[in-house]
Amino acid sequence: MSKVIGKSLRQRRIDVHDTSQRKGNHNGENYEFVLLHNGTEIVIVEVKTTLRANDVKRFLSKLSKAKLGLPEYHSFKIYGAMAYLRAEEIQIQWL
């Protein structure tokens, strides 16, 4: 999966050099994501089997708090992405 995401990011001129996985609980909220980074930028990728509209809303909320939960990346530019196998019918909005 990381190779596919890495290729997609390079097409957007975001070159990642390292990948790790994080799992845990922060302030009562569970999280599990793949973290890709290159020294100045990080991409937080949440992986879902089935993507639902509420998953996107929750991910955006978590993403807005990322620098609090990942203080070692406080000076990095943060991007978010979601990977999924299938999606329920949802209306896509750009935020």
Protein backbone atom coordinates (compact mmCIF):
# COMPACT_ATOMS: atom_id res chain seq x y z
CA MET A 1 0.00 0.00 0.00
CA SER A 2 2.77 2.46 0.91
CA LYS A 3 4.32 2.12 -2.56
CA VAL A 4 1.01 2.99 -4.23
CA ILE A 5 0.47 5.98 -1.95
CA GLY A 6 4.10 7.07 -2.42
CA LYS A 7 3.68 7.03 -6.19
CA SER A 8 0.49 9.08 -5.96
CA LEU A 9 2.23 11.62 -3.70
CA ARG A 10 5.25 11.93 -6.02
CA GLN A 11 2.83 12.80 -8.82
CA ARG A 12 1.77 15.69 -6.58
CA ARG A 13 5.43 16.66 -5.98
CA ILE A 14 5.49 15.29 -2.42
CA ASP A 15 8.45 12.95 -2.12
CA VAL A 16 8.40 10.74 0.98
CA HIS A 17 11.45 8.95 2.36
CA ASP A 18 10.17 7.11 5.41
CA THR A 19 7.00 5.28 6.43
CA SER A 20 5.76 4.22 9.84
CA GLN A 21 2.52 3.06 11.38
CA ARG A 22 0.92 4.55 14.48
CA LYS A 23 -1.81 3.10 16.63
CA GLY A 24 -3.14 4.21 19.99
CA ASN A 25 -5.52 6.38 21.92
CA HIS A 26 -5.30 10.12 22.48
CA ASN A 27 -7.76 11.83 24.84
CA GLY A 28 -10.21 8.92 24.55
CA GLU A 29 -10.12 8.84 20.75
CA ASN A 30 -8.66 5.77 19.04
CA TYR A 31 -6.43 6.22 16.05
CA GLU A 32 -4.54 4.07 13.59
CA PHE A 33 -2.79 5.51 10.57
CA VAL A 34 0.18 5.29 8.25
CA LEU A 35 2.63 8.18 8.49
CA LEU A 36 4.83 9.11 5.53
CA HIS A 37 7.42 11.85 5.85
CA ASN A 38 10.43 13.45 4.20
CA GLY A 39 11.94 15.85 6.73
CA THR A 40 9.69 18.85 6.07
CA GLU A 41 6.29 17.35 5.23
CA ILE A 42 4.19 14.52 6.64
CA VAL A 43 1.25 12.71 5.12
CA ILE A 44 -1.15 11.06 7.54
CA VAL A 45 -3.07 8.26 5.83
CA GLU A 46 -6.06 6.61 7.44
CA VAL A 47 -6.94 3.24 5.95
CA LYS A 48 -10.51 1.93 5.87
CA THR A 49 -12.06 -1.23 4.48
CA THR A 50 -15.32 0.61 3.80
CA LEU A 51 -15.27 4.39 3.60
CA ARG A 52 -18.32 6.22 4.94
CA ALA A 53 -19.12 9.93 5.05
CA ASN A 54 -18.73 10.03 8.84
CA ASP A 55 -15.25 8.49 8.51
CA VAL A 56 -14.15 11.48 6.46
CA LYS A 57 -15.58 13.95 8.99
CA ARG A 58 -13.86 12.14 11.88
CA PHE A 59 -10.56 12.02 9.99
CA LEU A 60 -10.67 15.75 9.29
CA SER A 61 -11.26 16.36 12.99
CA LYS A 62 -8.30 14.15 13.93
CA LEU A 63 -6.14 15.77 11.27
CA SER A 64 -6.80 19.22 12.71
CA LYS A 65 -5.29 18.00 16.00
CA ALA A 66 -2.31 16.19 14.47
CA LYS A 67 0.37 18.61 15.64
CA LEU A 68 -0.82 18.20 19.24
CA GLY A 69 -0.59 14.42 19.06
CA LEU A 70 2.63 14.39 17.03
CA PRO A 71 4.73 17.15 18.60
CA GLU A 72 7.91 15.91 16.89
CA TYR A 73 6.35 17.11 13.61
CA HIS A 74 5.20 20.55 14.85
CA SER A 75 7.20 22.40 12.18
CA PHE A 76 6.24 20.09 9.30
CA LYS A 77 3.60 20.79 6.68
CA ILE A 78 0.81 18.24 7.17
CA TYR A 79 -1.24 16.55 4.47
CA GLY A 80 -4.04 14.05 4.99
CA ALA A 81 -5.17 11.15 2.82
CA MET A 82 -7.60 8.27 3.11
CA ALA A 83 -7.19 4.87 1.50
CA TYR A 84 -10.07 2.41 1.20
CA LEU A 85 -11.16 -0.77 -0.54
CA ARG A 86 -14.74 0.30 -1.14
CA ALA A 87 -16.92 3.30 -0.40
CA GLU A 88 -20.54 3.80 0.45
CA GLU A 89 -22.25 6.30 -1.75
CA ILE A 90 -21.16 9.65 -0.44
CA GLN A 91 -21.27 13.16 -1.76
CA ILE A 92 -17.77 14.53 -2.07
CA GLN A 93 -17.12 18.09 -0.99
CA TRP A 94 -13.79 19.88 -1.14
CA LEU A 95 -12.98 21.64 2.07
